[in-house]
């Protein structure tokens, strides 16, 4: 599939957020950040479609767990 050019318009706060995620994730570009984010979002929604709507993260050093609530997954799981 050939590459397509897509242009996004961000408000200042959203652009700062994208820039921060790009730096934190050590991405080479904002485009790479967006591609990875879309892939993660697709995977999460696929799981939500199967009824899995809670995301639990674990710190391997301490064993501590935390639950992350993603509002769009909560509504996706109810469909």
Protein backbone atom coordinates (compact mmCIF):
# COMPACT_ATOMS: atom_id res chain seq x y z
CA UNK A 1 0.00 0.00 0.00
CA UNK A 2 1.51 3.35 -0.98
CA UNK A 3 2.09 5.99 1.68
CA UNK A 4 -0.53 8.68 2.01
CA UNK A 5 0.05 12.13 3.39
CA UNK A 6 -2.33 13.16 6.15
CA UNK A 7 -2.33 16.57 7.77
CA UNK A 8 -3.49 17.04 11.35
CA UNK A 9 -4.20 20.33 13.05
CA UNK A 10 -3.47 20.45 16.78
CA UNK A 11 -4.23 23.13 19.31
CA UNK A 12 -1.19 24.24 21.32
CA UNK A 13 -1.91 22.00 24.32
CA UNK A 14 -2.42 18.88 22.17
CA UNK A 15 0.74 19.56 20.19
CA UNK A 16 2.70 19.92 23.44
CA UNK A 17 1.26 16.59 24.58
CA UNK A 18 2.26 14.89 21.34
CA UNK A 19 5.74 16.36 21.59
CA UNK A 20 6.06 15.14 25.18
CA UNK A 21 4.96 11.59 24.27
CA UNK A 22 7.38 11.61 21.34
CA UNK A 23 10.26 12.50 23.65
CA UNK A 24 9.23 10.15 26.48
CA UNK A 25 8.81 7.23 24.09
CA UNK A 26 12.06 8.02 22.28
CA UNK A 27 10.21 8.08 18.96
CA UNK A 28 12.05 9.38 15.92
CA UNK A 29 9.14 11.56 14.83
CA UNK A 30 5.65 12.68 15.76
CA UNK A 31 4.36 10.57 12.88
CA UNK A 32 5.92 7.48 14.46
CA UNK A 33 4.28 8.43 17.77
CA UNK A 34 0.87 8.71 16.11
CA UNK A 35 1.29 5.38 14.27
CA UNK A 36 2.22 3.58 17.50
CA UNK A 37 -0.61 5.26 19.39
CA UNK A 38 -3.10 4.13 16.74
CA UNK A 39 -1.78 0.58 16.95
CA UNK A 40 -2.13 0.55 20.74
CA UNK A 41 -5.61 2.05 20.54
CA UNK A 42 -6.67 -0.56 17.97
CA UNK A 43 -5.39 -3.38 20.19
CA UNK A 44 -7.16 -2.01 23.28
CA UNK A 45 -10.46 -1.60 21.45
CA UNK A 46 -10.17 -5.09 20.01
CA UNK A 47 -9.90 -6.41 23.56
CA UNK A 48 -12.81 -4.21 24.70
CA UNK A 49 -14.95 -5.69 21.92
CA UNK A 50 -14.34 -9.06 23.59
CA UNK A 51 -15.45 -7.67 26.96
CA UNK A 52 -12.05 -6.80 28.43
CA UNK A 53 -12.38 -3.20 29.63
CA UNK A 54 -9.93 -2.91 32.51
CA UNK A 55 -6.24 -2.26 32.00
CA UNK A 56 -3.95 -3.31 34.85
CA UNK A 57 -0.28 -2.36 34.89
CA UNK A 58 2.27 -3.95 37.20
CA UNK A 59 5.61 -2.66 38.45
CA UNK A 60 7.87 -5.73 38.13
CA UNK A 61 10.28 -4.37 40.74
CA UNK A 62 7.68 -3.94 43.49
CA UNK A 63 4.79 -6.09 42.30
CA UNK A 64 2.50 -3.09 42.80
CA UNK A 65 -0.48 -2.99 40.45
CA UNK A 66 -2.58 -0.07 39.27
CA UNK A 67 -5.70 0.03 37.16
CA UNK A 68 -5.91 2.49 34.29
CA UNK A 69 -9.40 3.62 33.31
CA UNK A 70 -9.80 4.50 29.63
CA UNK A 71 -13.31 5.96 29.16
CA UNK A 72 -13.68 4.91 25.51
CA UNK A 73 -12.96 1.28 26.48
CA UNK A 74 -15.70 1.34 29.08
CA UNK A 75 -18.28 2.32 26.47
CA UNK A 76 -16.81 -0.04 23.84
CA UNK A 77 -17.22 -2.99 26.20
CA UNK A 78 -20.94 -2.25 26.58
CA UNK A 79 -21.72 -2.55 22.84
